[in-house]
PDB file of N, CA and C in Angstrom:
ATOM      1  N   UNK A   1     126.143  92.198 138.356  1.00  0.00           N
ATOM      2  CA  UNK A   1     124.835  92.114 138.359  1.00  0.00           C
ATOM      3  C   UNK A   1     124.503  90.608 138.070  1.00  0.00           C
ATOM      4  N   UNK A   2     123.576  89.849 138.605  1.00  0.00           N
ATOM      5  CA  UNK A   2     123.400  88.512 138.211  1.00  0.00           C
ATOM      6  C   UNK A   2     121.951  88.545 137.551  1.00  0.00           C
ATOM      7  N   UNK A   3     121.508  87.923 136.372  1.00  0.00           N
ATOM      8  CA  UNK A   3     120.328  87.958 135.921  1.00  0.00           C
ATOM      9  C   UNK A   3     119.857  86.641 135.604  1.00  0.00           C
ATOM     10  N   UNK A   4     118.430  86.560 135.377  1.00  0.00           N
ATOM     11  CA  UNK A   4     117.782  85.313 135.084  1.00  0.00           C
ATOM     12  C   UNK A   4     116.599  85.635 134.307  1.00  0.00           C
ATOM     13  N   UNK A   5     116.449  84.855 132.921  1.00  0.00           N
ATOM     14  CA  UNK A   5     114.994  85.204 132.244  1.00  0.00           C
ATOM     15  C   UNK A   5     114.557  83.829 131.876  1.00  0.00           C
ATOM     16  N   UNK A   6     113.259  83.812 131.727  1.00  0.00           N
ATOM     17  CA  UNK A   6     112.568  82.404 131.525  1.00  0.00           C
ATOM     18  C   UNK A   6     111.021  82.692 130.945  1.00  0.00           C
ATOM     19  N   UNK A   7     110.559  82.182 129.971  1.00  0.00           N
ATOM     20  CA  UNK A   7     109.406  82.008 129.473  1.00  0.00           C
ATOM     21  C   UNK A   7     108.380  80.929 130.172  1.00  0.00           C
ATOM     22  N   UNK A   8     107.451  81.446 130.939  1.00  0.00           N
ATOM     23  CA  UNK A   8     106.576  80.377 131.501  1.00  0.00           C
ATOM     24  C   UNK A   8     105.222  80.396 130.956  1.00  0.00           C
ATOM     25  N   UNK A   9     104.464  79.227 131.315  1.00  0.00           N
ATOM     26  CA  UNK A   9     103.081  79.102 131.036  1.00  0.00           C
ATOM     27  C   UNK A   9     102.513  78.789 132.373  1.00  0.00           C
ATOM     28  N   UNK A  10     101.226  79.175 132.302  1.00  0.00           N
ATOM     29  CA  UNK A  10     100.448  78.764 133.739  1.00  0.00           C
ATOM     30  C   UNK A  10      99.596  80.044 133.826  1.00  0.00           C
ATOM     31  N   UNK A  11      99.007  80.370 135.254  1.00  0.00           N
ATOM     32  CA  UNK A  11      98.230  81.247 135.668  1.00  0.00           C
ATOM     33  C   UNK A  11      99.189  82.627 136.154  1.00  0.00           C
ATOM     34  N   UNK A  12      99.056  83.769 135.585  1.00  0.00           N
ATOM     35  CA  UNK A  12      99.930  84.824 136.014  1.00  0.00           C
ATOM     36  C   UNK A  12      99.822  84.942 137.516  1.00  0.00           C
ATOM     37  N   UNK A  13      98.767  84.912 138.059  1.00  0.00           N
ATOM     38  CA  UNK A  13      98.463  85.225 139.660  1.00  0.00           C
ATOM     39  C   UNK A  13      99.182  84.218 140.304  1.00  0.00           C
ATOM     40  N   UNK A  14      98.940  82.886 139.797  1.00  0.00           N
ATOM     41  CA  UNK A  14      99.785  81.882 140.888  1.00  0.00           C
ATOM     42  C   UNK A  14     101.306  81.952 140.539  1.00  0.00           C
ATOM     43  N   UNK A  15     101.750  82.370 139.617  1.00  0.00           N
ATOM     44  CA  UNK A  15     103.208  82.479 139.236  1.00  0.00           C
ATOM     45  C   UNK A  15     103.781  83.649 140.136  1.00  0.00           C
ATOM     46  N   UNK A  16     103.174  84.721 140.027  1.00  0.00           N
ATOM     47  CA  UNK A  16     103.435  85.929 141.136  1.00  0.00           C
ATOM     48  C   UNK A  16     103.489  85.503 142.472  1.00  0.00           C
ATOM     49  N   UNK A  17     102.231  84.785 143.001  1.00  0.00           N
ATOM     50  CA  UNK A  17     102.325  84.732 144.146  1.00  0.00           C
ATOM     51  C   UNK A  17     103.552  83.462 144.660  1.00  0.00           C
ATOM     52  N   UNK A  18     103.730  82.594 143.678  1.00  0.00           N
ATOM     53  CA  UNK A  18     104.776  81.625 144.047  1.00  0.00           C
ATOM     54  C   UNK A  18     106.311  82.795 144.192  1.00  0.00           C
ATOM     55  N   UNK A  19     106.318  83.417 143.091  1.00  0.00           N
ATOM     56  CA  UNK A  19     107.605  84.304 143.335  1.00  0.00           C
ATOM     57  C   UNK A  19     107.701  84.928 144.738  1.00  0.00           C
ATOM     58  N   UNK A  20     106.651  85.707 144.934  1.00  0.00           N
ATOM     59  CA  UNK A  20     106.641  86.361 146.068  1.00  0.00           C
ATOM     60  C   UNK A  20     106.780  85.359 147.506  1.00  0.00           C
ATOM     61  N   UNK A  21     105.899  84.459 147.495  1.00  0.00           N
ATOM     62  CA  UNK A  21     106.146  83.513 148.555  1.00  0.00           C
ATOM     63  C   UNK A  21     107.751  82.846 148.786  1.00  0.00           C
ATOM     64  N   UNK A  22     108.110  82.385 147.625  1.00  0.00           N
ATOM     65  CA  UNK A  22     109.367  81.674 147.355  1.00  0.00           C
ATOM     66  C   UNK A  22     110.401  82.672 147.867  1.00  0.00           C
ATOM     67  N   UNK A  23     110.420  83.660 147.774  1.00  0.00           N
ATOM     68  CA  UNK A  23     111.452  84.776 147.742  1.00  0.00           C
ATOM     69  C   UNK A  23     111.396  85.130 149.405  1.00  0.00           C
ATOM     70  N   UNK A  24     110.175  85.262 149.743  1.00  0.00           N
ATOM     71  CA  UNK A  24     109.972  86.057 151.100  1.00  0.00           C
ATOM     72  C   UNK A  24     110.400  85.101 152.098  1.00  0.00           C
ATOM     73  N   UNK A  25     110.203  83.841 151.797  1.00  0.00           N
ATOM     74  CA  UNK A  25     110.203  82.793 152.663  1.00  0.00           C
ATOM     75  C   UNK A  25     111.889  82.249 152.502  1.00  0.00           C
ATOM     76  N   UNK A  26     112.629  82.389 151.662  1.00  0.00           N
ATOM     77  CA  UNK A  26     113.813  81.963 151.652  1.00  0.00           C
ATOM     78  C   UNK A  26     114.833  82.538 152.461  1.00  0.00           C
ATOM     79  N   UNK A  27     114.709  83.504 153.232  1.00  0.00           N
ATOM     80  CA  UNK A  27     115.414  84.173 154.045  1.00  0.00           C
ATOM     81  C   UNK A  27     114.951  85.050 155.180  1.00  0.00           C
ATOM     82  N   UNK A  28     115.310  85.029 156.211  1.00  0.00           N
ATOM     83  CA  UNK A  28     114.856  85.552 157.549  1.00  0.00           C
ATOM     84  C   UNK A  28     114.847  87.268 157.307  1.00  0.00           C
ATOM     85  N   UNK A  29     115.972  87.702 156.339  1.00  0.00           N
ATOM     86  CA  UNK A  29     115.897  89.054 156.191  1.00  0.00           C
ATOM     87  C   UNK A  29     115.309  89.623 154.911  1.00  0.00           C
ATOM     88  N   UNK A  30     114.688  88.429 154.235  1.00  0.00           N
ATOM     89  CA  UNK A  30     113.967  89.293 152.903  1.00  0.00           C
ATOM     90  C   UNK A  30     113.007  90.074 153.098  1.00  0.00           C
ATOM     91  N   UNK A  31     112.888  90.809 152.355  1.00  0.00           N
ATOM     92  CA  UNK A  31     111.620  91.942 152.557  1.00  0.00           C
ATOM     93  C   UNK A  31     111.267  92.252 151.079  1.00  0.00           C
ATOM     94  N   UNK A  32     110.024  92.465 150.943  1.00  0.00           N
ATOM     95  CA  UNK A  32     109.443  93.293 149.784  1.00  0.00           C
ATOM     96  C   UNK A  32     109.435  94.645 149.951  1.00  0.00           C
ATOM     97  N   UNK A  33     110.349  95.310 149.170  1.00  0.00           N
ATOM     98  CA  UNK A  33     110.316  96.912 149.381  1.00  0.00           C
ATOM     99  C   UNK A  33     109.504  97.653 148.683  1.00  0.00           C
ATOM    100  N   UNK A  34     109.371  97.367 147.251  1.00  0.00           N
ATOM    101  CA  UNK A  34     108.244  98.203 146.434  1.00  0.00           C
ATOM    102  C   UNK A  34     107.629  97.058 145.170  1.00  0.00           C
ATOM    103  N   UNK A  35     106.515  97.422 145.062  1.00  0.00           N
ATOM    104  CA  UNK A  35     105.805  96.849 144.127  1.00  0.00           C
ATOM    105  C   UNK A  35     104.775  97.566 143.236  1.00  0.00           C
ATOM    106  N   UNK A  36     104.588  97.157 142.055  1.00  0.00           N
ATOM    107  CA  UNK A  36     103.594  97.991 141.099  1.00  0.00           C
ATOM    108  C   UNK A  36     103.158  96.676 140.135  1.00  0.00           C
ATOM    109  N   UNK A  37     101.850  97.181 139.715  1.00  0.00           N
ATOM    110  CA  UNK A  37     101.071  96.216 138.740  1.00  0.00           C
ATOM    111  C   UNK A  37     100.562  97.211 137.511  1.00  0.00           C
ATOM    112  N   UNK A  38     100.732  96.705 136.447  1.00  0.00           N
ATOM    113  CA  UNK A  38     100.018  97.306 135.259  1.00  0.00           C
ATOM    114  C   UNK A  38      99.151  96.497 134.565  1.00  0.00           C
ATOM    115  N   UNK A  39      98.213  96.875 133.918  1.00  0.00           N
ATOM    116  CA  UNK A  39      97.162  95.988 132.992  1.00  0.00           C
ATOM    117  C   UNK A  39      96.409  96.875 131.995  1.00  0.00           C
ATOM    118  N   UNK A  40      96.505  96.124 130.945  1.00  0.00           N
ATOM    119  CA  UNK A  40      95.701  96.881 129.930  1.00  0.00           C
ATOM    120  C   UNK A  40      94.786  95.607 129.264  1.00  0.00           C
ATOM    121  N   UNK A  41      94.042  95.942 128.170  1.00  0.00           N
ATOM    122  CA  UNK A  41      93.176  94.719 127.968  1.00  0.00           C
ATOM    123  C   UNK A  41      93.759  93.754 127.467  1.00  0.00           C
ATOM    124  N   UNK A  42      95.099  93.691 127.013  1.00  0.00           N
ATOM    125  CA  UNK A  42      95.905  92.707 126.283  1.00  0.00           C
ATOM    126  C   UNK A  42      97.136  92.275 126.948  1.00  0.00           C
ATOM    127  N   UNK A  43      97.361  92.942 128.107  1.00  0.00           N
ATOM    128  CA  UNK A  43      98.822  92.846 128.789  1.00  0.00           C
ATOM    129  C   UNK A  43      98.756  93.257 130.374  1.00  0.00           C
ATOM    130  N   UNK A  44      99.640  92.562 130.809  1.00  0.00           N
ATOM    131  CA  UNK A  44      99.818  92.537 132.280  1.00  0.00           C
ATOM    132  C   UNK A  44     101.280  92.540 132.649  1.00  0.00           C
ATOM    133  N   UNK A  45     101.550  93.380 133.674  1.00  0.00           N
ATOM    134  CA  UNK A  45     103.014  93.280 134.023  1.00  0.00           C
ATOM    135  C   UNK A  45     102.986  93.990 135.547  1.00  0.00           C
ATOM    136  N   UNK A  46     103.859  93.027 136.339  1.00  0.00           N
ATOM    137  CA  UNK A  46     103.982  93.088 137.744  1.00  0.00           C
ATOM    138  C   UNK A  46     105.529  93.252 138.050  1.00  0.00           C
ATOM    139  N   UNK A  47     105.900  94.133 138.817  1.00  0.00           N
ATOM    140  CA  UNK A  47     107.345  94.417 139.182  1.00  0.00           C
ATOM    141  C   UNK A  47     107.483  94.491 140.580  1.00  0.00           C
ATOM    142  N   UNK A  48     108.428  93.660 141.188  1.00  0.00           N
ATOM    143  CA  UNK A  48     108.707  93.435 142.544  1.00  0.00           C
ATOM    144  C   UNK A  48     110.018  93.509 142.913  1.00  0.00           C
ATOM    145  N   UNK A  49     110.393  94.263 143.819  1.00  0.00           N
ATOM    146  CA  UNK A  49     111.786  94.629 144.304  1.00  0.00           C
ATOM    147  C   UNK A  49     111.880  94.076 145.581  1.00  0.00           C
ATOM    148  N   UNK A  50     112.780  93.237 145.865  1.00  0.00           N
ATOM    149  CA  UNK A  50     112.929  92.681 147.142  1.00  0.00           C
ATOM    150  C   UNK A  50     114.333  92.917 147.722  1.00  0.00           C
ATOM    151  N   UNK A  51     114.793  92.751 149.099  1.00  0.00           N
ATOM    152  CA  UNK A  51     115.866  92.928 149.355  1.00  0.00           C
ATOM    153  C   UNK A  51     116.198  92.005 150.635  1.00  0.00           C
ATOM    154  N   UNK A  52     117.488  91.651 150.698  1.00  0.00           N
ATOM    155  CA  UNK A  52     117.828  90.823 151.732  1.00  0.00           C
ATOM    156  C   UNK A  52     119.135  91.049 152.248  1.00  0.00           C
ATOM    157  N   UNK A  53     119.731  90.646 153.398  1.00  0.00           N
ATOM    158  CA  UNK A  53     120.860  90.606 154.031  1.00  0.00           C
ATOM    159  C   UNK A  53     121.839  89.661 153.425  1.00  0.00           C
ATOM    160  N   UNK A  54     122.995  89.959 153.045  1.00  0.00           N
ATOM    161  CA  UNK A  54     123.789  88.743 152.637  1.00  0.00           C
ATOM    162  C   UNK A  54     125.044  88.636 153.571  1.00  0.00           C
ATOM    163  N   UNK A  55     125.023  87.538 154.424  1.00  0.00           N
ATOM    164  CA  UNK A  55     125.872  87.166 155.455  1.00  0.00           C
ATOM    165  C   UNK A  55     127.304  87.158 154.761  1.00  0.00           C
ATOM    166  N   UNK A  56     127.248  86.480 153.588  1.00  0.00           N
ATOM    167  CA  UNK A  56     128.497  86.144 152.929  1.00  0.00           C
ATOM    168  C   UNK A  56     129.450  87.520 152.312  1.00  0.00           C
ATOM    169  N   UNK A  57     128.512  88.497 151.851  1.00  0.00           N
ATOM    170  CA  UNK A  57     128.885  89.828 151.654  1.00  0.00           C
ATOM    171  C   UNK A  57     128.962  90.614 152.690  1.00  0.00           C
ATOM    172  N   UNK A  58     128.495  90.455 153.818  1.00  0.00           N
ATOM    173  CA  UNK A  58     128.358  91.520 154.652  1.00  0.00           C
ATOM    174  C   UNK A  58     127.334  92.873 154.424  1.00  0.00           C
ATOM    175  N   UNK A  59     126.752  92.677 153.329  1.00  0.00           N
ATOM    176  CA  UNK A  59     125.934  93.773 152.806  1.00  0.00           C
ATOM    177  C   UNK A  59     124.420  93.323 152.468  1.00  0.00           C
ATOM    178  N   UNK A  60     123.652  94.464 151.823  1.00  0.00           N
ATOM    179  CA  UNK A  60     122.354  94.169 151.418  1.00  0.00           C
ATOM    180  C   UNK A  60     122.418  94.015 150.071  1.00  0.00           C
ATOM    181  N   UNK A  61     121.653  93.226 149.434  1.00  0.00           N
ATOM    182  CA  UNK A  61     121.510  92.950 148.057  1.00  0.00           C
ATOM    183  C   UNK A  61     119.984  92.993 147.586  1.00  0.00           C
ATOM    184  N   UNK A  62     119.616  93.644 146.418  1.00  0.00           N
ATOM    185  CA  UNK A  62     118.416  93.614 146.127  1.00  0.00           C
ATOM    186  C   UNK A  62     117.979  92.647 144.822  1.00  0.00           C
ATOM    187  N   UNK A  63     116.791  92.421 144.629  1.00  0.00           N
ATOM    188  CA  UNK A  63     116.379  91.405 143.420  1.00  0.00           C
ATOM    189  C   UNK A  63     115.242  92.138 142.851  1.00  0.00           C
ATOM    190  N   UNK A  64     115.494  92.469 141.597  1.00  0.00           N
ATOM    191  CA  UNK A  64     114.108  93.421 140.854  1.00  0.00           C
ATOM    192  C   UNK A  64     113.576  92.015 139.992  1.00  0.00           C
ATOM    193  N   UNK A  65     112.193  91.928 139.911  1.00  0.00           N
ATOM    194  CA  UNK A  65     111.569  90.797 139.224  1.00  0.00           C
ATOM    195  C   UNK A  65     110.641  91.434 138.578  1.00  0.00           C
ATOM    196  N   UNK A  66     110.434  91.033 137.147  1.00  0.00           N
ATOM    197  CA  UNK A  66     109.445  91.843 136.394  1.00  0.00           C
ATOM    198  C   UNK A  66     108.652  90.396 135.571  1.00  0.00           C
ATOM    199  N   UNK A  67     107.557  90.497 135.754  1.00  0.00           N
ATOM    200  CA  UNK A  67     106.677  89.188 135.163  1.00  0.00           C
ATOM    201  C   UNK A  67     105.729  90.158 134.221  1.00  0.00           C
ATOM    202  N   UNK A  68     105.783  89.768 132.977  1.00  0.00           N
ATOM    203  CA  UNK A  68     104.925  90.325 131.901  1.00  0.00           C
ATOM    204  C   UNK A  68     104.174  89.052 131.119  1.00  0.00           C
ATOM    205  N   UNK A  69     102.984  89.654 130.984  1.00  0.00           N
ATOM    206  CA  UNK A  69     102.244  88.377 129.869  1.00  0.00           C
ATOM    207  C   UNK A  69     101.296  89.520 128.900  1.00  0.00           C
ATOM    208  N   UNK A  70     101.614  88.966 127.741  1.00  0.00           N
ATOM    209  CA  UNK A  70     100.817  89.571 126.627  1.00  0.00           C
ATOM    210  C   UNK A  70     100.719  88.222 125.436  1.00  0.00           C
ATOM    211  N   UNK A  71      99.445  88.169 124.862  1.00  0.00           N
ATOM    212  CA  UNK A  71      99.117  87.097 123.993  1.00  0.00           C
ATOM    213  C   UNK A  71      99.284  85.773 124.493  1.00  0.00           C
ATOM    214  N   UNK A  72      99.057  85.528 125.799  1.00  0.00           N
ATOM    215  CA  UNK A  72      99.092  84.298 126.378  1.00  0.00           C
ATOM    216  C   UNK A  72     100.399  83.691 126.886  1.00  0.00           C
ATOM    217  N   UNK A  73     101.512  84.629 126.587  1.00  0.00           N
ATOM    218  CA  UNK A  73     102.862  84.087 126.962  1.00  0.00           C
ATOM    219  C   UNK A  73     103.294  85.059 128.190  1.00  0.00           C
ATOM    220  N   UNK A  74     103.864  84.418 129.026  1.00  0.00           N
ATOM    221  CA  UNK A  74     104.356  84.985 130.357  1.00  0.00           C
ATOM    222  C   UNK A  74     106.085  85.130 130.069  1.00  0.00           C
ATOM    223  N   UNK A  75     106.533  86.306 130.346  1.00  0.00           N
ATOM    224  CA  UNK A  75     107.839  86.265 130.377  1.00  0.00           C
ATOM    225  C   UNK A  75     108.341  86.621 131.801  1.00  0.00           C
ATOM    226  N   UNK A  76     109.428  86.122 132.424  1.00  0.00           N
ATOM    227  CA  UNK A  76     110.203  86.495 133.623  1.00  0.00           C
ATOM    228  C   UNK A  76     111.283  87.082 133.278  1.00  0.00           C
ATOM    229  N   UNK A  77     111.716  88.273 134.235  1.00  0.00           N
ATOM    230  CA  UNK A  77     113.125  88.353 134.229  1.00  0.00           C
ATOM    231  C   UNK A  77     113.389  89.103 135.695  1.00  0.00           C
ATOM    232  N   UNK A  78     114.612  88.830 135.887  1.00  0.00           N
ATOM    233  CA  UNK A  78     114.929  89.320 137.110  1.00  0.00           C
ATOM    234  C   UNK A  78     116.503  89.505 137.213  1.00  0.00           C
ATOM    235  N   UNK A  79     116.941  90.329 138.058  1.00  0.00           N
ATOM    236  CA  UNK A  79     118.164  90.971 138.205  1.00  0.00           C
ATOM    237  C   UNK A  79     118.733  90.982 139.718  1.00  0.00           C
ATOM    238  N   UNK A  80     119.726  90.581 140.012  1.00  0.00           N
ATOM    239  CA  UNK A  80     120.259  90.965 141.623  1.00  0.00           C
ATOM    240  C   UNK A  80     121.421  91.781 141.536  1.00  0.00           C
ATOM    241  N   UNK A  81     121.209  92.892 142.366  1.00  0.00           N
ATOM    242  CA  UNK A  81     122.404  93.973 142.455  1.00  0.00           C
ATOM    243  C   UNK A  81     122.449  94.094 143.864  1.00  0.00           C
ATOM    244  N   UNK A  82     124.042  94.978 143.917  1.00  0.00           N
ATOM    245  CA  UNK A  82     124.121  95.555 145.160  1.00  0.00           C
ATOM    246  C   UNK A  82     125.024  94.626 146.169  1.00  0.00           C
ATOM    247  N   UNK A  83     125.423  93.546 145.434  1.00  0.00           N
ATOM    248  CA  UNK A  83     126.401  92.682 146.163  1.00  0.00           C
ATOM    249  C   UNK A  83     127.847  92.795 146.303  1.00  0.00           C
ATOM    250  N   UNK A  84     128.385  94.022 145.739  1.00  0.00           N
ATOM    251  CA  UNK A  84     129.812  94.073 145.569  1.00  0.00           C
ATOM    252  C   UNK A  84     130.041  95.361 146.588  1.00  0.00           C
ATOM    253  N   UNK A  85     131.256  95.149 147.233  1.00  0.00           N
ATOM    254  CA  UNK A  85     131.808  96.101 148.107  1.00  0.00           C
ATOM    255  C   UNK A  85     132.943  97.096 147.580  1.00  0.00           C
ATOM    256  N   UNK A  86     133.190  96.728 146.363  1.00  0.00           N
ATOM    257  CA  UNK A  86     134.387  97.572 145.779  1.00  0.00           C
ATOM    258  C   UNK A  86     133.853  98.871 145.234  1.00  0.00           C
ATOM    259  N   UNK A  87     134.586  99.850 144.947  1.00  0.00           N
ATOM    260  CA  UNK A  87     134.090 101.256 144.548  1.00  0.00           C
ATOM    261  C   UNK A  87     133.981 101.072 143.085  1.00  0.00           C
ATOM    262  N   UNK A  88     135.034 100.660 142.332  1.00  0.00           N
ATOM    263  CA  UNK A  88     135.210 100.742 141.142  1.00  0.00           C
ATOM    264  C   UNK A  88     135.054  99.299 140.136  1.00  0.00           C
ATOM    265  N   UNK A  89     135.233  97.973 141.041  1.00  0.00           N
ATOM    266  CA  UNK A  89     135.053  96.946 140.116  1.00  0.00           C
ATOM    267  C   UNK A  89     134.224  96.112 140.989  1.00  0.00           C
ATOM    268  N   UNK A  90     133.275  95.362 140.259  1.00  0.00           N
ATOM    269  CA  UNK A  90     132.474  94.216 140.768  1.00  0.00           C
ATOM    270  C   UNK A  90     133.356  93.162 141.456  1.00  0.00           C
ATOM    271  N   UNK A  91     133.279  93.052 142.906  1.00  0.00           N
ATOM    272  CA  UNK A  91     134.068  91.989 143.534  1.00  0.00           C
ATOM    273  C   UNK A  91     133.075  91.575 144.602  1.00  0.00           C
ATOM    274  N   UNK A  92     133.012  90.130 144.820  1.00  0.00           N
ATOM    275  CA  UNK A  92     132.214  89.495 145.807  1.00  0.00           C
ATOM    276  C   UNK A  92     130.879  89.889 145.503  1.00  0.00           C
ATOM    277  N   UNK A  93     130.507  89.167 144.318  1.00  0.00           N
ATOM    278  CA  UNK A  93     129.100  89.101 143.749  1.00  0.00           C
ATOM    279  C   UNK A  93     128.416  87.743 144.411  1.00  0.00           C
ATOM    280  N   UNK A  94     128.933  87.043 145.497  1.00  0.00           N
ATOM    281  CA  UNK A  94     128.226  85.869 145.819  1.00  0.00           C
ATOM    282  C   UNK A  94     126.809  86.222 146.346  1.00  0.00           C
ATOM    283  N   UNK A  95     126.607  87.321 147.150  1.00  0.00           N
ATOM    284  CA  UNK A  95     125.302  87.577 147.694  1.00  0.00           C
ATOM    285  C   UNK A  95     124.268  87.832 146.444  1.00  0.00           C
ATOM    286  N   UNK A  96     124.703  88.628 145.302  1.00  0.00           N
ATOM    287  CA  UNK A  96     123.544  88.608 144.292  1.00  0.00           C
ATOM    288  C   UNK A  96     123.459  87.066 143.882  1.00  0.00           C
ATOM    289  N   UNK A  97     124.389  86.246 143.438  1.00  0.00           N
ATOM    290  CA  UNK A  97     124.101  85.099 142.718  1.00  0.00           C
ATOM    291  C   UNK A  97     123.194  84.331 143.638  1.00  0.00           C
ATOM    292  N   UNK A  98     123.589  84.218 145.091  1.00  0.00           N
ATOM    293  CA  UNK A  98     122.856  83.548 145.949  1.00  0.00           C
ATOM    294  C   UNK A  98     121.425  83.862 146.200  1.00  0.00           C
ATOM    295  N   UNK A  99     120.883  85.251 146.146  1.00  0.00           N
ATOM    296  CA  UNK A  99     119.536  85.512 145.827  1.00  0.00           C
ATOM    297  C   UNK A  99     118.898  85.335 144.793  1.00  0.00           C
ATOM    298  N   UNK A 100     119.645  85.541 143.428  1.00  0.00           N
ATOM    299  CA  UNK A 100     119.038  85.172 142.479  1.00  0.00           C
ATOM    300  C   UNK A 100     118.656  83.415 142.067  1.00  0.00           C
ATOM    301  N   UNK A 101     119.548  82.659 142.904  1.00  0.00           N
ATOM    302  CA  UNK A 101     119.515  81.328 142.936  1.00  0.00           C
ATOM    303  C   UNK A 101     118.232  80.946 143.681  1.00  0.00           C
ATOM    304  N   UNK A 102     117.830  81.688 144.664  1.00  0.00           N
ATOM    305  CA  UNK A 102     116.398  81.365 145.222  1.00  0.00           C
ATOM    306  C   UNK A 102     115.346  81.231 144.253  1.00  0.00           C
ATOM    307  N   UNK A 103     115.346  82.460 143.330  1.00  0.00           N
ATOM    308  CA  UNK A 103     114.217  82.576 142.294  1.00  0.00           C
ATOM    309  C   UNK A 103     114.496  81.427 141.152  1.00  0.00           C
ATOM    310  N   UNK A 104     115.570  81.099 140.959  1.00  0.00           N
ATOM    311  CA  UNK A 104     115.800  80.250 139.799  1.00  0.00           C
ATOM    312  C   UNK A 104     115.156  78.810 140.399  1.00  0.00           C
ATOM    313  N   UNK A 105     115.543  78.317 141.602  1.00  0.00           N
ATOM    314  CA  UNK A 105     115.087  77.181 142.193  1.00  0.00           C
ATOM    315  C   UNK A 105     113.655  76.947 142.188  1.00  0.00           C
ATOM    316  N   UNK A 106     112.956  78.226 142.053  1.00  0.00           N
ATOM    317  CA  UNK A 106     111.333  78.210 141.953  1.00  0.00           C
ATOM    318  C   UNK A 106     110.862  77.496 140.697  1.00  0.00           C
ATOM    319  N   UNK A 107     111.753  77.793 139.402  1.00  0.00           N
ATOM    320  CA  UNK A 107     111.340  77.460 138.009  1.00  0.00           C
ATOM    321  C   UNK A 107     112.191  76.519 137.435  1.00  0.00           C
ATOM    322  N   UNK A 108     113.135  76.006 137.965  1.00  0.00           N
ATOM    323  CA  UNK A 108     114.043  75.029 137.363  1.00  0.00           C
ATOM    324  C   UNK A 108     113.854  73.831 137.980  1.00  0.00           C
TER     325      UNK A 108
END
């Protein structure tokens, strides 16, 4: 599993749109598989699950993205999984890293 976290500033909706558009436009096979949004008077949370085909690994990988805002601070956490083809050990995780790199590029 590859993961990435970052504290962000800005508009929550604009950041979420940047994530969705950036990931979906990064690969022909990228798709938004699931999404959910939560909001209270003082906090917001958006979860997005993306998937794409990894040519390098000859399999599908998923990218789970959580965007959370409370007290004016926005936290981003993402984890890519599913890139390994082995039964007991994680091998060939290039697809996971490559998928996560698309998200990293949006914020670094």
